[in-house]
Each structure stands twice: as C-alpha cells, then as structure tokens.
Amino acid sequence: MIAAVIPAQNEEDRIKYVIKSVIAAGVDKIYVIVNGSSDKTLDEVNLVDDKRINIILFKESLGIDVPRAIGAFEAYKNGAKVIVFVDGDMIGNISPIIRKLISSVIKQNIDLSLTNCYPKMPNTHGLGALIIKFRLMLNKTLDIESQIGVSTPSHGPHAVSRKLLEIVPFKEIAMPPVALALAVKANIKVNVSTTIPHHKLGSKTKTFQHGRKIAETIIGDCLEAICVFRGEKRNRIYNGYKYEGYNNERKIDILEEYISKID
C-alpha cells in the first residue's frame, strides 16, 4: 500500500487542491490530519468524494511536524509500504513530484526520498542564508552533502519506506532533521529523487514573524540532529543563542498518548 499524509490547519482554500494532487499521483490511502483549525478545512476535506481519504481530527493544534508523525503511525499500522508527506498548503503542480518520490522508494529501494527545492542556490541573506547554512552544516556532518546538497525533509514533499519507520521512532518523525540523522546513522538509503524550485510548490506566503519562527525551528532541529548523530546530549544552542522557534509548541505528549492508546 502507498499512503499519503497531509497535515492541515486552517487550509480551507487550499486543502482540496492538495488532496487532488495526491489522488492524481495514484496513492492507495490518504491520511489528512486536521488539527487546530478554526475555519472550514474539515468541511472542505469532506467535500472531496474519495474513499481513499481518512480524516484524523484534533481540535487542538499539534504543532509543527507532529501531524505528519501521527499520519505516519496510522499509515504504518495499516500496512503501508511507502508513505509520502505533503503539506496541506502546497497547491503547485506537485503530482509528478509525488510520483517520482514513490517510484524511488519502490524501484530504487530508497528509504528516505527527498525533493531538491533549491536547484539553484538562492542568492539570499539574513534568515534565508542562515537556514541554508545550518542545513548544509547538518548534511556535511552526516557526510551526505555530495548526495543531497542542502535538501532536508523539513522542506518539500518527501517519502519514506516502511523500513525507515521500523528504525526511526515516530516521535523523531516530528523533527525531520533528526529523522534524517537517524536514517544516515542506521546506514539506510537516503537520496534526492526529484527537483522543484521552492516557488513552484505553491506554499503560502509567510509573514516575516512566522517565517522567522519557522527558520529558527528548522535551525534548532538541525542542531539537535547533529547532537543525535554524534551521540551527544541534545541542544538547540549555537553561539550562545537558542533556536527554539515553534519547537516548544510541538505536542509530543499527544503523539505519544495517541500511539500508546492504539498500540
């Protein structure tokens, strides 16, 4: 079974387009994790008439990346061999991207298949340059920079094998750079399988404040991932500054409770 996981929070204007892209890619099951939504996201999902759709609803916000971990658990529990992750706001032409990711897991035995969202390195500064710096720092530490450049499971659609989910704990799926580090540490196959420039993903335009917190979240995640890879105590501090971002809003307790109840 091939499953797709789509986290969705306040995506009433976008979610149906994302679901249609996933359907067009030929998946067998679609897990939409609606969480913390105050708009009509749930109604819009229900309007898409397709038996492959499974809705998992949380009234509270689960925080960044936690919904994908819950979706991964559901897909794994129900026998999925391939799980592809797509954000609930990506309204670009991503069906071909999803198909390539799935194919790489099935035909090439890739365990973590990534999308290169920067085919040309951006001429950026400030936060943009900083986040690229830390993504590169992590990939150099993992000794996979030559394979994946600055790609990361924090950015763009990506797919994982069942084998990966047997190795990487579900709570670490909620921190994508750590999942990447654990995959490399376990010597399973990681690669970039497709390319789409970031602007063609069709993601929402972020406010500066939100963009900053997302950047700090990913930077902190990269720092934690480096610690995990090296077997050191986890921390999110670099040059005296703690990159927390949205990390403290991740509801890992809800994730663990959800898994324990179903297990």
Protein backbone atom coordinates (compact mmCIF):
# COMPACT_ATOMS: atom_id res chain seq x y z
CA MET A 1 0.00 0.00 0.00
CA ILE A 2 1.13 3.52 -0.82
CA ALA A 3 -0.11 6.16 1.62
CA ALA A 4 -0.01 9.94 1.66
CA VAL A 5 0.00 12.04 4.82
CA ILE A 6 -1.30 15.61 4.64
CA PRO A 7 -1.20 17.81 7.76
CA ALA A 8 -3.79 20.59 7.55
CA GLN A 9 -4.50 23.56 9.79
CA ASN A 10 -6.70 26.40 8.52
CA GLU A 11 -6.30 25.43 4.87
CA GLU A 12 -9.93 25.77 3.72
CA ASP A 13 -8.90 27.49 0.47
CA ARG A 14 -6.12 25.05 -0.39
CA ILE A 15 -6.65 21.58 1.04
CA LYS A 16 -8.89 20.23 -1.73
CA TYR A 17 -6.26 21.11 -4.36
CA VAL A 18 -3.57 19.33 -2.36
CA ILE A 19 -5.76 16.24 -2.00
CA LYS A 20 -6.48 16.24 -5.73
CA SER A 21 -2.74 16.39 -6.48
CA VAL A 22 -2.17 13.40 -4.22
CA ILE A 23 -5.07 11.48 -5.77
CA ALA A 24 -3.63 12.17 -9.24
CA ALA A 25 -0.32 10.65 -8.11
CA GLY A 26 -2.05 7.30 -7.60
CA VAL A 27 -1.80 6.64 -3.87
CA ASP A 28 -3.92 3.99 -2.16
CA LYS A 29 -4.71 5.80 1.11
CA ILE A 30 -4.73 9.45 2.13
CA TYR A 31 -4.46 10.47 5.77
CA VAL A 32 -5.47 14.09 6.34
CA ILE A 33 -4.51 15.24 9.83
CA VAL A 34 -6.80 18.18 10.52
CA ASN A 35 -5.63 19.91 13.68
CA GLY A 36 -6.22 23.24 15.40
CA SER A 37 -8.42 24.51 12.57
CA SER A 38 -10.89 27.33 13.20
CA ASP A 39 -12.03 27.56 9.57
CA LYS A 40 -13.77 25.10 7.22
CA THR A 41 -10.80 22.86 6.48
CA LEU A 42 -12.66 19.78 7.73
CA ASP A 43 -15.72 20.61 5.63
CA GLU A 44 -13.58 21.04 2.52
CA VAL A 45 -11.92 17.65 3.06
CA ASN A 46 -15.33 16.03 3.47
CA LEU A 47 -16.45 17.54 0.16
CA VAL A 48 -13.80 15.54 -1.71
CA ASP A 49 -15.63 12.34 -2.58
CA ASP A 50 -12.97 9.65 -2.47
CA LYS A 51 -12.93 6.51 -0.34
CA ARG A 52 -9.17 6.65 -0.01
CA ILE A 53 -9.41 9.65 2.31
CA ASN A 54 -9.10 9.05 6.05
CA ILE A 55 -9.55 12.06 8.32
CA ILE A 56 -7.84 12.21 11.70
CA LEU A 57 -9.20 15.17 13.64
CA PHE A 58 -7.70 17.03 16.58
CA LYS A 59 -9.40 20.14 17.91
CA GLU A 60 -6.13 21.41 19.33
CA SER A 61 -3.09 22.39 17.31
CA LEU A 62 -0.46 19.64 17.38
CA GLY A 63 2.40 21.94 16.46
CA ILE A 64 4.82 21.75 13.57
CA ASP A 65 5.57 18.27 12.14
CA VAL A 66 3.65 16.35 14.83
CA PRO A 67 0.68 15.73 12.49
CA ARG A 68 2.99 14.04 9.99
CA ALA A 69 4.20 11.68 12.74
CA ILE A 70 0.63 10.75 13.62
CA GLY A 71 -0.16 10.18 9.96
CA ALA A 72 2.98 8.07 9.55
CA PHE A 73 1.94 5.93 12.51
CA GLU A 74 -1.55 5.40 11.08
CA ALA A 75 -0.17 4.52 7.66
CA TYR A 76 2.40 2.14 9.14
CA LYS A 77 -0.17 0.49 11.41
CA ASN A 78 -2.39 -0.15 8.39
CA GLY A 79 0.37 -1.79 6.37
CA ALA A 80 1.76 1.00 4.17
CA LYS A 81 4.98 0.15 2.34
CA VAL A 82 5.56 3.73 1.17
CA ILE A 83 4.47 6.93 2.91
CA VAL A 84 4.68 10.29 1.15
CA PHE A 85 4.36 13.56 3.08
CA VAL A 86 2.81 16.66 1.53
CA ASP A 87 1.99 19.90 3.36
CA GLY A 88 -1.64 20.98 3.33
CA ASP A 89 -0.90 24.32 1.64
CA MET A 90 1.05 23.11 -1.41
CA ILE A 91 -1.14 23.96 -4.40
CA GLY A 92 1.57 23.81 -7.06
CA ASN A 93 1.80 21.12 -9.74
CA ILE A 94 3.22 18.51 -7.39
CA SER A 95 1.64 15.28 -8.70
CA PRO A 96 4.72 14.48 -10.86
CA ILE A 97 6.94 15.13 -7.83
CA ILE A 98 4.92 12.77 -5.66
CA ARG A 99 5.02 10.05 -8.33
CA LYS A 100 8.82 10.29 -8.58
CA LEU A 101 9.22 10.08 -4.81
CA ILE A 102 7.02 7.00 -4.62
CA SER A 103 8.80 5.37 -7.56
CA SER A 104 12.22 5.90 -5.96
CA VAL A 105 11.15 4.04 -2.82
CA ILE A 106 9.58 1.17 -4.76
CA LYS A 107 12.03 0.76 -7.65
CA GLN A 108 15.31 2.01 -6.17
CA ASN A 109 14.77 0.92 -2.55
CA ILE A 110 15.34 4.44 -1.25
CA ASP A 111 14.31 4.70 2.41
CA LEU A 112 14.18 8.49 2.67
CA SER A 113 13.47 10.15 -0.67
CA LEU A 114 13.81 13.93 -0.73
CA THR A 115 12.91 16.81 -3.02
CA ASN A 116 15.54 19.35 -4.03
CA CYS A 117 13.74 22.69 -3.68
CA TYR A 118 16.87 24.71 -4.49
CA PRO A 119 18.12 23.55 -7.92
CA LYS A 120 20.00 26.85 -7.94
CA MET A 121 21.38 28.06 -4.66
CA PRO A 122 19.36 31.15 -3.71
CA ASN A 123 21.12 34.49 -3.61
CA THR A 124 19.77 35.24 -0.20
CA HIS A 125 20.76 36.96 3.02
CA GLY A 126 19.54 37.25 6.57
CA LEU A 127 17.32 34.38 7.73
CA GLY A 128 17.32 32.71 4.33
CA ALA A 129 21.11 32.49 4.26
CA LEU A 130 21.20 31.38 7.88
CA ILE A 131 18.85 28.46 7.39
CA ILE A 132 20.82 27.31 4.32
CA LYS A 133 23.98 27.48 6.43
CA PHE A 134 22.59 25.14 9.06
CA ARG A 135 21.02 22.73 6.58
CA LEU A 136 24.43 22.49 4.93
CA MET A 137 26.15 22.11 8.30
CA LEU A 138 23.95 19.14 9.14
CA ASN A 139 24.39 17.45 5.77
CA LYS A 140 28.17 17.90 5.94
CA THR A 141 28.19 16.41 9.44
CA LEU A 142 26.21 13.43 8.10
CA ASP A 143 28.66 13.22 5.16
CA ILE A 144 25.81 13.29 2.63
CA GLU A 145 26.24 16.80 1.24
CA SER A 146 27.53 15.38 -2.05
CA GLN A 147 24.34 13.29 -2.39
CA ILE A 148 21.63 15.68 -1.25
CA GLY A 149 23.17 19.17 -1.15
CA VAL A 150 21.07 21.32 1.20
CA SER A 151 17.93 19.18 0.85
CA THR A 152 16.04 18.29 4.01
CA PRO A 153 12.82 16.51 4.96
CA SER A 154 11.76 19.81 6.53
CA HIS A 155 11.30 21.32 3.07
CA GLY A 156 9.20 19.95 0.24
CA PRO A 157 7.36 16.68 -0.35
CA HIS A 158 9.29 13.57 0.64
CA ALA A 159 8.68 9.85 1.02
CA VAL A 160 9.82 7.14 3.40
CA SER A 161 9.90 3.36 3.31
CA ARG A 162 8.34 1.05 5.86
CA LYS A 163 11.90 0.04 6.75
CA LEU A 164 12.67 3.59 7.87
CA LEU A 165 9.64 3.63 10.17
CA GLU A 166 10.87 0.39 11.74
CA ILE A 167 14.13 2.14 12.62
CA VAL A 168 13.23 5.78 13.35
CA PRO A 169 10.87 6.34 16.33
CA PHE A 170 7.64 8.11 15.43
CA LYS A 171 8.39 10.98 17.81
CA GLU A 172 11.52 11.70 15.74
CA ILE A 173 9.42 11.86 12.56
CA ALA A 174 8.08 15.00 14.26
CA MET A 175 11.58 16.51 14.00
CA PRO A 176 12.56 15.85 10.36
CA PRO A 177 16.29 16.69 10.53
CA VAL A 178 16.65 14.23 13.42
CA ALA A 179 14.85 11.59 11.36
CA LEU A 180 17.38 12.27 8.59
CA ALA A 181 20.30 11.92 11.02
CA LEU A 182 18.96 8.64 12.40
CA ALA A 183 18.42 7.28 8.89
CA VAL A 184 22.03 8.05 7.95
CA LYS A 185 23.28 6.66 11.25
CA ALA A 186 21.40 3.41 10.55
CA ASN A 187 23.04 3.25 7.12
CA ILE A 188 19.77 3.09 5.21
CA LYS A 189 19.34 4.70 1.81
CA VAL A 190 18.82 8.47 1.61
CA ASN A 191 18.71 10.34 -1.67
CA VAL A 192 17.20 13.21 -3.65
CA SER A 193 14.79 11.80 -6.21
CA THR A 194 13.16 14.86 -7.71
CA THR A 195 13.52 18.62 -8.09
CA ILE A 196 11.11 21.52 -7.98
CA PRO A 197 12.02 25.16 -7.25
CA HIS A 198 10.57 26.35 -3.96
CA HIS A 199 8.31 28.95 -5.57
CA LYS A 200 6.61 26.25 -7.66
CA LEU A 201 5.46 24.32 -4.59
CA GLY A 202 2.66 26.84 -4.24
CA SER A 203 3.08 27.17 -0.48
CA LYS A 204 1.52 30.03 1.43
CA THR A 205 3.43 33.28 1.66
CA LYS A 206 4.60 33.63 5.25
CA THR A 207 4.63 36.76 7.37
CA PHE A 208 8.10 37.83 8.49
CA GLN A 209 7.43 36.82 12.09
CA HIS A 210 6.08 33.39 11.12
CA GLY A 211 8.92 32.87 8.64
CA ARG A 212 11.45 33.73 11.33
CA LYS A 213 9.97 31.22 13.77
CA ILE A 214 9.88 28.51 11.10
CA ALA A 215 13.53 29.24 10.28
CA GLU A 216 14.54 29.09 13.94
CA THR A 217 12.61 25.84 14.35
CA ILE A 218 14.47 24.19 11.49
CA ILE A 219 17.84 25.57 12.60
CA GLY A 220 17.27 24.25 16.12
CA ASP A 221 16.18 20.91 14.67
CA CYS A 222 19.42 20.75 12.65
CA LEU A 223 21.44 21.44 15.79
CA GLU A 224 19.61 18.68 17.65
CA ALA A 225 20.15 16.34 14.72
CA ILE A 226 23.90 16.95 14.80
CA CYS A 227 23.92 16.10 18.52
CA VAL A 228 21.91 12.92 17.94
CA PHE A 229 24.22 11.82 15.13
CA ARG A 230 27.27 12.38 17.33
CA GLY A 231 25.71 10.67 20.34
CA GLU A 232 25.78 13.90 22.35
CA LYS A 233 23.18 15.49 24.62
CA ARG A 234 20.61 17.29 22.51
CA ASN A 235 20.59 21.08 22.45
CA ARG A 236 19.46 23.92 20.20
CA ILE A 237 22.10 26.50 21.12
CA TYR A 238 24.64 27.98 18.72
CA ASN A 239 26.97 30.85 19.60
CA GLY A 240 25.01 31.48 22.78
CA TYR A 241 21.60 31.75 21.08
CA LYS A 242 18.88 29.14 21.50
CA TYR A 243 16.99 28.44 18.26
CA GLU A 244 13.62 27.44 19.67
CA GLY A 245 11.12 28.72 17.10
CA TYR A 246 7.94 26.65 17.29
CA ASN A 247 9.65 23.68 18.94
CA ASN A 248 8.02 24.22 22.33
CA GLU A 249 4.59 24.09 20.67
CA ARG A 250 5.10 20.54 19.43
CA LYS A 251 2.60 18.33 21.25
CA ILE A 252 4.83 15.29 21.60
CA ASP A 253 2.80 14.21 24.63
CA ILE A 254 -0.34 13.97 22.49
CA LEU A 255 1.58 11.99 19.86
CA GLU A 256 2.88 9.52 22.43
CA GLU A 257 -0.53 9.16 24.07
CA TYR A 258 -2.15 8.58 20.66
CA ILE A 259 0.34 5.86 19.77
CA SER A 260 0.13 4.16 23.17
CA LYS A 261 -3.68 4.02 23.06
CA ILE A 262 -3.75 2.39 19.65
CA ASP A 263 -0.82 0.07 20.39
